[in-house]
Amino acid sequence: MSPRIMTSMYGLGIDTALAEEMNAGLQRVEAGLREAVRSDYPFVTEASRHLVDAGGKRFRPLLVLLASQYGKPSSVGVVPAAIVVELTHLATLYHDDVMDEADLRRGASSANARWDNTIAILTGDFLFARASDILADLGPDAVRIQAQTFERLCTGQIRETVGVAAGDDPIAHHLQVLADKTGSLIATSCRFGAMMSGADALTISTLTRFGEHIGVAFQLADDLVDITSESAQSGKTPGTDLREGIPTLAGLMAIQADDDPWLAEALGRPLSDDGEHARALDQLRSHPALAQAQAEARRWAASARDCLDDLPDGPTTDALRALCDYVVNRSG
C-alpha cells in the first residue's frame, strides 16, 4: 500500500517518473521498517509493528528520498537514512501517546491503550535503539546530527510540558515547541537525504532550512485538521487536542483575543465533559483565531517555498513546491 501522502500528491501535478521513483523508494523503506522492528522476542515485534502497520503519511522518509535527488539518489545510505528518521518519529509517537494519555493513534488503538504505558515507553525505546543501530553504519557525522536532533526533540517536549514562563509570549513559546518537536526531525530528514546522496554544502544547508520551515507548517496544519475535520480523517477523534488540554495556535490566539471569557477559560484546561467539549469546538471553529492560525500555517509554508529559490529548477524542486501546498491544504 502506498503511503497516503504520495496518493494525495498524484493530484498535484508532480512529474510522473519522479512520483513512481518515490513510490518505489518508499516501498523499500516500508520493507526496511518491518525488518528493523523484528525481534527474537515475538511480543516485541508485535508491539513495535503496531504503529508501522497502522500506516501514515511517511512524510519524513519521502523528504529524505526527494532531497537525495539533488545528488546521487541511488547512494547506499539514502534508504537507511529514511528508515532511521521514520523509526525516530514512530518512537516519539509511542512516548507522546503516554504523555497525552491518548486512546487512538492513526485510527487504531494507541499502544498504551492496547497494552499499558510501560509497554509503550519501552517499545519507543526499542525503536530508538534500532534507529541508532542503523545510524551507526552511516558515519559519525550522521550520528552527531541525530543526537542533536534528539536533543531538540526532548527539549521541545520539556518546553511544552513545563509551559510558558511568566512574562513570555505564549505564541512564540508554542512556535518554538513546534520547531523543536516537529521541525527539527523534518529538517534532519532533508539534511540526511542531501548528505547521503553527496549533494553540495549549499544544497544541504538550503534543504535543511526548507525542512525546518515546512515542518512547522506541517504541524500547524495538523493541529488545524484536529479542529476542522468532521470525522476521524486525521486518524484521531476531532477535537482531541481540546479534550486533552493540549495548546494549539488557534486556541492560544483565541485566548489572547480575550473576546469570549468562557472560551478563553475552557481552552486553558482539559475538556472531559462532552457538552463543554462540543461547545468549545463549535466556538473555536467560528472564531477569527482559526483563520489567523491558518494564515500562520500558510506563512510558514511560503517561507519554506522561498528557500527553494536557491535550488535548481526541475521536477524535484517542483515536487517540493507542491508539498508546500499540500501540507496547508490537506484535510487529513
C-alpha atoms as a PDB file:
ATOM      1  CA  MET A   1       0.000   0.000   0.000  1.00  0.00           C
ATOM      2  CA  SER A   2       1.362   3.408  -0.937  1.00  0.00           C
ATOM      3  CA  PRO A   3       1.696   5.875   1.927  1.00  0.00           C
ATOM      4  CA  ARG A   4      -1.193   8.351   1.999  1.00  0.00           C
ATOM      5  CA  ILE A   5       0.920  11.377   1.180  1.00  0.00           C
ATOM      6  CA  MET A   6       2.024  10.014  -2.192  1.00  0.00           C
ATOM      7  CA  THR A   7      -1.557   9.081  -3.052  1.00  0.00           C
ATOM      8  CA  SER A   8      -2.549  12.686  -2.353  1.00  0.00           C
ATOM      9  CA  MET A   9       0.379  14.166  -4.276  1.00  0.00           C
ATOM     10  CA  TYR A  10      -0.553  12.407  -7.524  1.00  0.00           C
ATOM     11  CA  GLY A  11      -3.236  15.094  -7.872  1.00  0.00           C
ATOM     12  CA  LEU A  12      -0.743  17.947  -7.513  1.00  0.00           C
ATOM     13  CA  GLY A  13       0.765  17.578 -10.967  1.00  0.00           C
ATOM     14  CA  ILE A  14       4.227  16.355  -9.990  1.00  0.00           C
ATOM     15  CA  ASP A  15       6.375  14.581 -12.540  1.00  0.00           C
ATOM     16  CA  THR A  16       5.081  11.044 -13.119  1.00  0.00           C
ATOM     17  CA  ALA A  17       8.523   9.464 -13.367  1.00  0.00           C
ATOM     18  CA  LEU A  18       9.609  11.140 -10.130  1.00  0.00           C
ATOM     19  CA  ALA A  19       6.399  10.043  -8.373  1.00  0.00           C
ATOM     20  CA  GLU A  20       6.987   6.449  -9.470  1.00  0.00           C
ATOM     21  CA  GLU A  21      10.588   6.623  -8.239  1.00  0.00           C
ATOM     22  CA  MET A  22       9.421   7.997  -4.885  1.00  0.00           C
ATOM     23  CA  ASN A  23       6.836   5.254  -4.548  1.00  0.00           C
ATOM     24  CA  ALA A  24       9.438   2.603  -5.319  1.00  0.00           C
ATOM     25  CA  GLY A  25      11.756   4.140  -2.733  1.00  0.00           C
ATOM     26  CA  LEU A  26       9.009   4.283  -0.137  1.00  0.00           C
ATOM     27  CA  GLN A  27       8.249   0.619  -0.700  1.00  0.00           C
ATOM     28  CA  ARG A  28      11.892  -0.151   0.079  1.00  0.00           C
ATOM     29  CA  VAL A  29      11.552   1.971   3.211  1.00  0.00           C
ATOM     30  CA  GLU A  30       8.432   0.040   4.234  1.00  0.00           C
ATOM     31  CA  ALA A  31      10.259  -3.267   3.846  1.00  0.00           C
ATOM     32  CA  GLY A  32      13.175  -1.885   5.820  1.00  0.00           C
ATOM     33  CA  LEU A  33      10.899  -0.679   8.607  1.00  0.00           C
ATOM     34  CA  ARG A  34       9.354  -4.110   9.006  1.00  0.00           C
ATOM     35  CA  GLU A  35      12.765  -5.712   9.104  1.00  0.00           C
ATOM     36  CA  ALA A  36      14.024  -3.125  11.610  1.00  0.00           C
ATOM     37  CA  VAL A  37      11.242  -3.803  14.111  1.00  0.00           C
ATOM     38  CA  ARG A  38      11.712  -7.557  14.019  1.00  0.00           C
ATOM     39  CA  SER A  39      12.864  -9.053  17.332  1.00  0.00           C
ATOM     40  CA  ASP A  40      13.755 -12.509  18.573  1.00  0.00           C
ATOM     41  CA  TYR A  41      11.017 -11.953  21.166  1.00  0.00           C
ATOM     42  CA  PRO A  42       7.674 -12.116  19.280  1.00  0.00           C
ATOM     43  CA  PHE A  43       5.865  -9.746  21.641  1.00  0.00           C
ATOM     44  CA  VAL A  44       8.438  -7.003  20.977  1.00  0.00           C
ATOM     45  CA  THR A  45       7.888  -7.467  17.248  1.00  0.00           C
ATOM     46  CA  GLU A  46       4.124  -7.238  17.726  1.00  0.00           C
ATOM     47  CA  ALA A  47       4.294  -4.089  19.830  1.00  0.00           C
ATOM     48  CA  SER A  48       6.849  -2.458  17.532  1.00  0.00           C
ATOM     49  CA  ARG A  49       4.864  -3.210  14.383  1.00  0.00           C
ATOM     50  CA  HIS A  50       1.712  -1.764  15.911  1.00  0.00           C
ATOM     51  CA  LEU A  51       2.232   1.749  14.525  1.00  0.00           C
ATOM     52  CA  VAL A  52       4.204   0.630  11.476  1.00  0.00           C
ATOM     53  CA  ASP A  53       1.210  -1.424  10.372  1.00  0.00           C
ATOM     54  CA  ALA A  54      -1.174   1.445  11.148  1.00  0.00           C
ATOM     55  CA  GLY A  55       0.325   3.268   8.163  1.00  0.00           C
ATOM     56  CA  GLY A  56       0.821   7.005   7.959  1.00  0.00           C
ATOM     57  CA  LYS A  57       1.968   9.670   5.559  1.00  0.00           C
ATOM     58  CA  ARG A  58       5.676   8.712   5.672  1.00  0.00           C
ATOM     59  CA  PHE A  59       6.359  12.418   5.227  1.00  0.00           C
ATOM     60  CA  ARG A  60       9.877  12.270   6.659  1.00  0.00           C
ATOM     61  CA  PRO A  61      11.113   9.334   4.540  1.00  0.00           C
ATOM     62  CA  LEU A  62       9.618  10.996   1.469  1.00  0.00           C
ATOM     63  CA  LEU A  63      11.654  14.111   2.165  1.00  0.00           C
ATOM     64  CA  VAL A  64      14.822  12.025   2.542  1.00  0.00           C
ATOM     65  CA  LEU A  65      14.154  10.496  -0.874  1.00  0.00           C
ATOM     66  CA  LEU A  66      13.291  13.823  -2.517  1.00  0.00           C
ATOM     67  CA  ALA A  67      16.357  15.551  -1.055  1.00  0.00           C
ATOM     68  CA  SER A  68      18.557  12.738  -2.375  1.00  0.00           C
ATOM     69  CA  GLN A  69      17.555  13.738  -5.909  1.00  0.00           C
ATOM     70  CA  TYR A  70      19.965  16.678  -5.662  1.00  0.00           C
ATOM     71  CA  GLY A  71      22.872  14.230  -5.508  1.00  0.00           C
ATOM     72  CA  LYS A  72      23.073  10.561  -6.407  1.00  0.00           C
ATOM     73  CA  PRO A  73      19.753   9.096  -5.183  1.00  0.00           C
ATOM     74  CA  SER A  74      20.939   5.508  -5.535  1.00  0.00           C
ATOM     75  CA  SER A  75      23.631   6.047  -2.876  1.00  0.00           C
ATOM     76  CA  VAL A  76      23.643   3.239  -0.319  1.00  0.00           C
ATOM     77  CA  GLY A  77      22.877   5.458   2.700  1.00  0.00           C
ATOM     78  CA  VAL A  78      19.685   7.058   1.377  1.00  0.00           C
ATOM     79  CA  VAL A  79      17.097   4.369   2.193  1.00  0.00           C
ATOM     80  CA  PRO A  80      18.676   3.511   5.584  1.00  0.00           C
ATOM     81  CA  ALA A  81      18.553   7.222   6.487  1.00  0.00           C
ATOM     82  CA  ALA A  82      14.865   7.296   5.539  1.00  0.00           C
ATOM     83  CA  ILE A  83      14.257   4.286   7.789  1.00  0.00           C
ATOM     84  CA  VAL A  84      16.129   5.994  10.644  1.00  0.00           C
ATOM     85  CA  VAL A  85      14.019   9.160  10.570  1.00  0.00           C
ATOM     86  CA  GLU A  86      10.757   7.212  10.436  1.00  0.00           C
ATOM     87  CA  LEU A  87      11.798   4.909  13.282  1.00  0.00           C
ATOM     88  CA  THR A  88      12.696   8.005  15.304  1.00  0.00           C
ATOM     89  CA  HIS A  89       9.333   9.574  14.518  1.00  0.00           C
ATOM     90  CA  LEU A  90       7.438   6.397  15.430  1.00  0.00           C
ATOM     91  CA  ALA A  91       9.352   6.130  18.698  1.00  0.00           C
ATOM     92  CA  THR A  92       8.286   9.649  19.667  1.00  0.00           C
ATOM     93  CA  LEU A  93       4.658   8.754  18.920  1.00  0.00           C
ATOM     94  CA  TYR A  94       4.746   5.879  21.416  1.00  0.00           C
ATOM     95  CA  HIS A  95       6.083   8.267  24.050  1.00  0.00           C
ATOM     96  CA  ASP A  96       3.710  11.100  23.100  1.00  0.00           C
ATOM     97  CA  ASP A  97       0.669   8.860  23.491  1.00  0.00           C
ATOM     98  CA  VAL A  98       1.737   8.004  27.040  1.00  0.00           C
ATOM     99  CA  MET A  99       2.214  11.648  27.976  1.00  0.00           C
ATOM    100  CA  ASP A 100      -1.062  12.666  26.308  1.00  0.00           C
ATOM    101  CA  GLU A 101      -2.944   9.617  27.619  1.00  0.00           C
ATOM    102  CA  ALA A 102      -4.203   9.111  24.064  1.00  0.00           C
ATOM    103  CA  ASP A 103      -6.543   6.249  23.193  1.00  0.00           C
ATOM    104  CA  LEU A 104      -6.175   6.406  19.407  1.00  0.00           C
ATOM    105  CA  ARG A 105      -3.278   6.799  17.011  1.00  0.00           C
ATOM    106  CA  ARG A 106      -3.724   6.694  13.209  1.00  0.00           C
ATOM    107  CA  GLY A 107      -7.249   5.380  13.634  1.00  0.00           C
ATOM    108  CA  ALA A 108      -6.176   2.420  15.769  1.00  0.00           C
ATOM    109  CA  SER A 109      -5.826   1.901  19.494  1.00  0.00           C
ATOM    110  CA  SER A 110      -2.662   3.511  20.810  1.00  0.00           C
ATOM    111  CA  ALA A 111      -0.035   1.158  22.228  1.00  0.00           C
ATOM    112  CA  ASN A 112      -0.607   2.406  25.754  1.00  0.00           C
ATOM    113  CA  ALA A 113      -4.353   1.784  25.401  1.00  0.00           C
ATOM    114  CA  ARG A 114      -3.874  -1.667  23.875  1.00  0.00           C
ATOM    115  CA  TRP A 115      -1.237  -2.718  26.419  1.00  0.00           C
ATOM    116  CA  ASP A 116      -0.079  -0.208  29.028  1.00  0.00           C
ATOM    117  CA  ASN A 117       2.194   2.799  29.491  1.00  0.00           C
ATOM    118  CA  THR A 118       5.245   0.727  30.379  1.00  0.00           C
ATOM    119  CA  ILE A 119       4.997  -1.342  27.211  1.00  0.00           C
ATOM    120  CA  ALA A 120       4.503   1.788  25.105  1.00  0.00           C
ATOM    121  CA  ILE A 121       7.520   3.559  26.623  1.00  0.00           C
ATOM    122  CA  LEU A 122       9.798   0.539  26.270  1.00  0.00           C
ATOM    123  CA  THR A 123       8.642  -0.044  22.694  1.00  0.00           C
ATOM    124  CA  GLY A 124       9.535   3.532  21.856  1.00  0.00           C
ATOM    125  CA  ASP A 125      12.947   2.967  23.423  1.00  0.00           C
ATOM    126  CA  PHE A 126      13.367  -0.212  21.355  1.00  0.00           C
ATOM    127  CA  LEU A 127      12.685   1.762  18.158  1.00  0.00           C
ATOM    128  CA  PHE A 128      15.212   4.420  19.168  1.00  0.00           C
ATOM    129  CA  ALA A 129      17.754   1.620  19.692  1.00  0.00           C
ATOM    130  CA  ARG A 130      17.052   0.128  16.274  1.00  0.00           C
ATOM    131  CA  ALA A 131      17.366   3.554  14.646  1.00  0.00           C
ATOM    132  CA  SER A 132      20.728   4.036  16.364  1.00  0.00           C
ATOM    133  CA  ASP A 133      21.941   0.655  15.165  1.00  0.00           C
ATOM    134  CA  ILE A 134      21.183   1.523  11.540  1.00  0.00           C
ATOM    135  CA  LEU A 135      22.598   5.012  12.000  1.00  0.00           C
ATOM    136  CA  ALA A 136      25.958   3.665  13.164  1.00  0.00           C
ATOM    137  CA  ASP A 137      26.630   2.449   9.611  1.00  0.00           C
ATOM    138  CA  LEU A 138      26.009   5.936   8.179  1.00  0.00           C
ATOM    139  CA  GLY A 139      29.042   7.546   9.778  1.00  0.00           C
ATOM    140  CA  PRO A 140      29.935   9.781  12.746  1.00  0.00           C
ATOM    141  CA  ASP A 141      28.519  12.949  11.170  1.00  0.00           C
ATOM    142  CA  ALA A 142      25.104  11.313  10.830  1.00  0.00           C
ATOM    143  CA  VAL A 143      25.282  10.041  14.422  1.00  0.00           C
ATOM    144  CA  ARG A 144      26.099  13.544  15.676  1.00  0.00           C
ATOM    145  CA  ILE A 145      23.267  15.124  13.666  1.00  0.00           C
ATOM    146  CA  GLN A 146      20.815  12.545  15.015  1.00  0.00           C
ATOM    147  CA  ALA A 147      21.998  13.223  18.578  1.00  0.00           C
ATOM    148  CA  GLN A 148      21.499  16.954  18.106  1.00  0.00           C
ATOM    149  CA  THR A 149      18.054  16.325  16.627  1.00  0.00           C
ATOM    150  CA  PHE A 150      17.116  14.061  19.526  1.00  0.00           C
ATOM    151  CA  GLU A 151      18.232  16.790  21.926  1.00  0.00           C
ATOM    152  CA  ARG A 152      15.834  19.215  20.244  1.00  0.00           C
ATOM    153  CA  LEU A 153      13.004  16.671  20.311  1.00  0.00           C
ATOM    154  CA  CYS A 154      13.488  16.251  24.063  1.00  0.00           C
ATOM    155  CA  THR A 155      13.902  19.982  24.676  1.00  0.00           C
ATOM    156  CA  GLY A 156      10.716  20.713  22.767  1.00  0.00           C
ATOM    157  CA  GLN A 157       8.763  18.165  24.795  1.00  0.00           C
ATOM    158  CA  ILE A 158      10.142  19.518  28.061  1.00  0.00           C
ATOM    159  CA  ARG A 159       9.372  23.073  26.936  1.00  0.00           C
ATOM    160  CA  GLU A 160       5.786  22.043  26.173  1.00  0.00           C
ATOM    161  CA  THR A 161       5.408  20.117  29.443  1.00  0.00           C
ATOM    162  CA  VAL A 162       6.782  22.918  31.642  1.00  0.00           C
ATOM    163  CA  GLY A 163       4.733  25.537  29.806  1.00  0.00           C
ATOM    164  CA  VAL A 164       5.324  29.169  29.043  1.00  0.00           C
ATOM    165  CA  ALA A 165       7.247  31.200  31.633  1.00  0.00           C
ATOM    166  CA  ALA A 166       5.642  34.231  33.245  1.00  0.00           C
ATOM    167  CA  GLY A 167       6.033  37.261  31.033  1.00  0.00           C
ATOM    168  CA  ASP A 168       6.902  35.262  27.889  1.00  0.00           C
ATOM    169  CA  ASP A 169       4.782  35.303  24.745  1.00  0.00           C
ATOM    170  CA  PRO A 170       2.674  32.108  24.661  1.00  0.00           C
ATOM    171  CA  ILE A 171       2.526  32.111  20.862  1.00  0.00           C
ATOM    172  CA  ALA A 172       6.296  32.499  20.427  1.00  0.00           C
ATOM    173  CA  HIS A 173       6.762  29.725  23.005  1.00  0.00           C
ATOM    174  CA  HIS A 174       4.344  27.483  21.119  1.00  0.00           C
ATOM    175  CA  LEU A 175       6.054  28.044  17.766  1.00  0.00           C
ATOM    176  CA  GLN A 176       9.405  27.172  19.328  1.00  0.00           C
ATOM    177  CA  VAL A 177       7.889  23.951  20.675  1.00  0.00           C
ATOM    178  CA  LEU A 178       6.708  23.071  17.165  1.00  0.00           C
ATOM    179  CA  ALA A 179      10.097  23.900  15.670  1.00  0.00           C
ATOM    180  CA  ASP A 180      11.801  21.606  18.184  1.00  0.00           C
ATOM    181  CA  LYS A 181       9.288  18.755  18.282  1.00  0.00           C
ATOM    182  CA  THR A 182       8.417  18.614  14.573  1.00  0.00           C
ATOM    183  CA  GLY A 183      10.601  20.953  12.546  1.00  0.00           C
ATOM    184  CA  SER A 184      13.881  19.524  13.812  1.00  0.00           C
ATOM    185  CA  LEU A 185      13.332  15.953  12.608  1.00  0.00           C
ATOM    186  CA  ILE A 186      11.863  17.062   9.287  1.00  0.00           C
ATOM    187  CA  ALA A 187      14.884  19.335   8.784  1.00  0.00           C
ATOM    188  CA  THR A 188      17.139  16.370   9.535  1.00  0.00           C
ATOM    189  CA  SER A 189      15.213  14.263   7.026  1.00  0.00           C
ATOM    190  CA  CYS A 190      16.047  16.740   4.275  1.00  0.00           C
ATOM    191  CA  ARG A 191      19.616  17.058   5.519  1.00  0.00           C
ATOM    192  CA  PHE A 192      20.176  13.302   5.572  1.00  0.00           C
ATOM    193  CA  GLY A 193      18.792  12.845   2.058  1.00  0.00           C
ATOM    194  CA  ALA A 194      21.065  15.512   0.634  1.00  0.00           C
ATOM    195  CA  MET A 195      24.104  14.354   2.652  1.00  0.00           C
ATOM    196  CA  MET A 196      23.782  10.675   1.862  1.00  0.00           C
ATOM    197  CA  SER A 197      23.459  11.373  -1.853  1.00  0.00           C
ATOM    198  CA  GLY A 198      26.576  13.541  -1.934  1.00  0.00           C
ATOM    199  CA  ALA A 199      24.892  16.883  -2.614  1.00  0.00           C
ATOM    200  CA  ASP A 200      26.993  20.019  -2.205  1.00  0.00           C
ATOM    201  CA  ALA A 201      27.140  22.004   1.051  1.00  0.00           C
ATOM    202  CA  LEU A 202      24.901  24.856  -0.144  1.00  0.00           C
ATOM    203  CA  THR A 203      22.190  22.412  -1.222  1.00  0.00           C
ATOM    204  CA  ILE A 204      22.392  20.582   2.115  1.00  0.00           C
ATOM    205  CA  SER A 205      22.047  23.870   4.016  1.00  0.00           C
ATOM    206  CA  THR A 206      19.151  25.053   1.838  1.00  0.00           C
ATOM    207  CA  LEU A 207      17.225  21.805   2.186  1.00  0.00           C
ATOM    208  CA  THR A 208      17.781  21.742   5.953  1.00  0.00           C
ATOM    209  CA  ARG A 209      16.340  25.242   6.237  1.00  0.00           C
ATOM    210  CA  PHE A 210      13.435  24.250   3.978  1.00  0.00           C
ATOM    211  CA  GLY A 211      12.724  21.216   6.177  1.00  0.00           C
ATOM    212  CA  GLU A 212      12.567  23.260   9.362  1.00  0.00           C
ATOM    213  CA  HIS A 213      10.060  25.689   7.866  1.00  0.00           C
ATOM    214  CA  ILE A 214       7.839  23.124   6.186  1.00  0.00           C
ATOM    215  CA  GLY A 215       7.955  21.075   9.389  1.00  0.00           C
ATOM    216  CA  VAL A 216       6.395  23.896  11.400  1.00  0.00           C
ATOM    217  CA  ALA A 217       3.806  24.450   8.665  1.00  0.00           C
ATOM    218  CA  PHE A 218       3.048  20.713   8.678  1.00  0.00           C
ATOM    219  CA  GLN A 219       2.395  20.650  12.435  1.00  0.00           C
ATOM    220  CA  LEU A 220       0.347  23.857  12.414  1.00  0.00           C
ATOM    221  CA  ALA A 221      -1.816  22.365   9.675  1.00  0.00           C
ATOM    222  CA  ASP A 222      -2.094  19.059  11.544  1.00  0.00           C
ATOM    223  CA  ASP A 223      -3.392  20.881  14.609  1.00  0.00           C
ATOM    224  CA  LEU A 224      -5.924  22.734  12.453  1.00  0.00           C
ATOM    225  CA  VAL A 225      -7.193  19.452  10.956  1.00  0.00           C
ATOM    226  CA  ASP A 226      -7.899  18.307  14.511  1.00  0.00           C
ATOM    227  CA  ILE A 227     -10.213  21.310  14.895  1.00  0.00           C
ATOM    228  CA  THR A 228     -11.855  21.450  11.470  1.00  0.00           C
ATOM    229  CA  SER A 229     -12.342  17.803  10.468  1.00  0.00           C
ATOM    230  CA  GLU A 230     -15.865  16.436  10.789  1.00  0.00           C
ATOM    231  CA  SER A 231     -14.770  12.820  11.124  1.00  0.00           C
ATOM    232  CA  ALA A 232     -11.650  10.935  12.156  1.00  0.00           C
ATOM    233  CA  GLN A 233      -9.866  11.969   8.924  1.00  0.00           C
ATOM    234  CA  SER A 234      -6.727  12.781  10.887  1.00  0.00           C
ATOM    235  CA  GLY A 235      -6.501   9.324  12.465  1.00  0.00           C
ATOM    236  CA  LYS A 236      -7.829  10.577  15.781  1.00  0.00           C
ATOM    237  CA  THR A 237     -11.159  11.845  17.022  1.00  0.00           C
ATOM    238  CA  PRO A 238     -11.657  15.508  16.027  1.00  0.00           C
ATOM    239  CA  GLY A 239     -11.103  17.887  18.906  1.00  0.00           C
ATOM    240  CA  THR A 240      -8.699  15.511  20.653  1.00  0.00           C
ATOM    241  CA  ASP A 241      -6.276  18.326  21.467  1.00  0.00           C
ATOM    242  CA  LEU A 242      -9.108  20.306  23.066  1.00  0.00           C
ATOM    243  CA  ARG A 243     -10.267  17.329  25.097  1.00  0.00           C
ATOM    244  CA  GLU A 244      -6.735  16.674  26.360  1.00  0.00           C
ATOM    245  CA  GLY A 245      -5.953  20.325  27.062  1.00  0.00           C
ATOM    246  CA  ILE A 246      -3.090  20.420  24.539  1.00  0.00           C
ATOM    247  CA  PRO A 247      -2.449  24.008  23.403  1.00  0.00           C
ATOM    248  CA  THR A 248      -2.650  24.766  19.675  1.00  0.00           C
ATOM    249  CA  LEU A 249      -2.052  28.026  17.850  1.00  0.00           C
ATOM    250  CA  ALA A 250      -5.739  28.675  17.155  1.00  0.00           C
ATOM    251  CA  GLY A 251      -6.585  28.147  20.819  1.00  0.00           C
ATOM    252  CA  LEU A 252      -3.769  30.403  22.015  1.00  0.00           C
ATOM    253  CA  MET A 253      -4.858  33.111  19.588  1.00  0.00           C
ATOM    254  CA  ALA A 254      -8.467  32.826  20.793  1.00  0.00           C
ATOM    255  CA  ILE A 255      -7.305  33.170  24.402  1.00  0.00           C
ATOM    256  CA  GLN A 256      -5.164  36.161  23.501  1.00  0.00           C
ATOM    257  CA  ALA A 257      -8.120  37.815  21.736  1.00  0.00           C
ATOM    258  CA  ASP A 258      -9.945  37.805  25.093  1.00  0.00           C
ATOM    259  CA  ASP A 259     -13.328  38.373  23.425  1.00  0.00           C
ATOM    260  CA  ASP A 260     -15.071  35.274  24.805  1.00  0.00           C
ATOM    261  CA  PRO A 261     -14.385  34.725  28.527  1.00  0.00           C
ATOM    262  CA  TRP A 262     -15.951  31.267  28.640  1.00  0.00           C
ATOM    263  CA  LEU A 263     -13.991  30.021  25.617  1.00  0.00           C
ATOM    264  CA  ALA A 264     -10.731  31.505  26.901  1.00  0.00           C
ATOM    265  CA  GLU A 265     -11.190  29.731  30.232  1.00  0.00           C
ATOM    266  CA  ALA A 266     -12.212  26.434  28.608  1.00  0.00           C
ATOM    267  CA  LEU A 267      -9.229  26.434  26.256  1.00  0.00           C
ATOM    268  CA  GLY A 268      -6.877  26.622  29.213  1.00  0.00           C
ATOM    269  CA  ARG A 269      -7.809  23.196  30.609  1.00  0.00           C
ATOM    270  CA  PRO A 270      -8.739  19.644  29.508  1.00  0.00           C
ATOM    271  CA  LEU A 271     -12.368  19.304  28.433  1.00  0.00           C
ATOM    272  CA  SER A 272     -13.533  15.872  29.568  1.00  0.00           C
ATOM    273  CA  ASP A 273     -17.202  16.875  29.648  1.00  0.00           C
ATOM    274  CA  ASP A 274     -18.800  16.084  26.268  1.00  0.00           C
ATOM    275  CA  GLY A 275     -21.061  19.120  26.377  1.00  0.00           C
ATOM    276  CA  GLU A 276     -18.248  21.550  27.159  1.00  0.00           C
ATOM    277  CA  HIS A 277     -16.051  19.917  24.549  1.00  0.00           C
ATOM    278  CA  ALA A 278     -18.698  20.242  21.819  1.00  0.00           C
ATOM    279  CA  ARG A 279     -19.386  23.871  22.748  1.00  0.00           C
ATOM    280  CA  ALA A 280     -15.695  24.836  22.757  1.00  0.00           C
ATOM    281  CA  LEU A 281     -15.031  23.060  19.456  1.00  0.00           C
ATOM    282  CA  ASP A 282     -18.005  24.772  17.816  1.00  0.00           C
ATOM    283  CA  GLN A 283     -16.985  28.214  19.091  1.00  0.00           C
ATOM    284  CA  LEU A 284     -13.356  27.770  18.094  1.00  0.00           C
ATOM    285  CA  ARG A 285     -14.375  26.738  14.592  1.00  0.00           C
ATOM    286  CA  SER A 286     -16.229  30.031  14.140  1.00  0.00           C
ATOM    287  CA  HIS A 287     -13.678  32.217  15.951  1.00  0.00           C
ATOM    288  CA  PRO A 288     -11.431  34.575  13.923  1.00  0.00           C
ATOM    289  CA  ALA A 289      -8.458  32.875  15.580  1.00  0.00           C
ATOM    290  CA  LEU A 290      -8.971  29.856  13.320  1.00  0.00           C
ATOM    291  CA  ALA A 291      -8.401  31.924  10.174  1.00  0.00           C
ATOM    292  CA  GLN A 292      -5.431  33.622  11.837  1.00  0.00           C
ATOM    293  CA  ALA A 293      -3.849  30.256  12.610  1.00  0.00           C
ATOM    294  CA  GLN A 294      -4.480  29.090   9.049  1.00  0.00           C
ATOM    295  CA  ALA A 295      -2.742  32.225   7.788  1.00  0.00           C
ATOM    296  CA  GLU A 296       0.247  31.492  10.033  1.00  0.00           C
ATOM    297  CA  ALA A 297       0.497  27.951   8.634  1.00  0.00           C
ATOM    298  CA  ARG A 298       0.458  29.394   5.109  1.00  0.00           C
ATOM    299  CA  ARG A 299       3.154  31.897   6.112  1.00  0.00           C
ATOM    300  CA  TRP A 300       5.478  29.097   7.238  1.00  0.00           C
ATOM    301  CA  ALA A 301       4.743  27.148   4.055  1.00  0.00           C
ATOM    302  CA  ALA A 302       5.501  30.251   1.968  1.00  0.00           C
ATOM    303  CA  SER A 303       8.767  30.681   3.861  1.00  0.00           C
ATOM    304  CA  ALA A 304       9.660  27.082   3.041  1.00  0.00           C
ATOM    305  CA  ARG A 305       8.815  27.708  -0.605  1.00  0.00           C
ATOM    306  CA  ASP A 306      11.104  30.755  -0.639  1.00  0.00           C
ATOM    307  CA  CYS A 307      14.020  28.534   0.420  1.00  0.00           C
ATOM    308  CA  LEU A 308      13.604  26.611  -2.815  1.00  0.00           C
ATOM    309  CA  ASP A 309      14.630  29.644  -4.866  1.00  0.00           C
ATOM    310  CA  ASP A 310      18.242  28.655  -4.114  1.00  0.00           C
ATOM    311  CA  LEU A 311      17.784  25.232  -5.712  1.00  0.00           C
ATOM    312  CA  PRO A 312      17.863  24.396  -9.431  1.00  0.00           C
ATOM    313  CA  ASP A 313      14.553  24.243 -11.247  1.00  0.00           C
ATOM    314  CA  GLY A 314      13.320  20.788 -12.170  1.00  0.00           C
ATOM    315  CA  PRO A 315      10.866  18.039 -11.209  1.00  0.00           C
ATOM    316  CA  THR A 316      12.217  17.637  -7.663  1.00  0.00           C
ATOM    317  CA  THR A 317      12.034  21.339  -6.816  1.00  0.00           C
ATOM    318  CA  ASP A 318       8.542  21.415  -8.348  1.00  0.00           C
ATOM    319  CA  ALA A 319       7.576  18.475  -6.116  1.00  0.00           C
ATOM    320  CA  LEU A 320       8.859  20.285  -3.016  1.00  0.00           C
ATOM    321  CA  ARG A 321       6.814  23.341  -4.010  1.00  0.00           C
ATOM    322  CA  ALA A 322       3.791  21.066  -4.371  1.00  0.00           C
ATOM    323  CA  LEU A 323       4.468  19.761  -0.855  1.00  0.00           C
ATOM    324  CA  CYS A 324       4.256  23.322   0.463  1.00  0.00           C
ATOM    325  CA  ASP A 325       0.729  23.493  -0.931  1.00  0.00           C
ATOM    326  CA  TYR A 326      -0.153  20.001   0.248  1.00  0.00           C
ATOM    327  CA  VAL A 327       0.748  20.499   3.895  1.00  0.00           C
ATOM    328  CA  VAL A 328      -1.531  23.511   4.357  1.00  0.00           C
ATOM    329  CA  ASN A 329      -4.450  22.362   2.191  1.00  0.00           C
ATOM    330  CA  ARG A 330      -4.890  18.768   3.370  1.00  0.00           C
ATOM    331  CA  SER A 331      -7.968  17.611   5.258  1.00  0.00           C
ATOM    332  CA  GLY A 332      -6.423  14.629   6.993  1.00  0.00           C
END
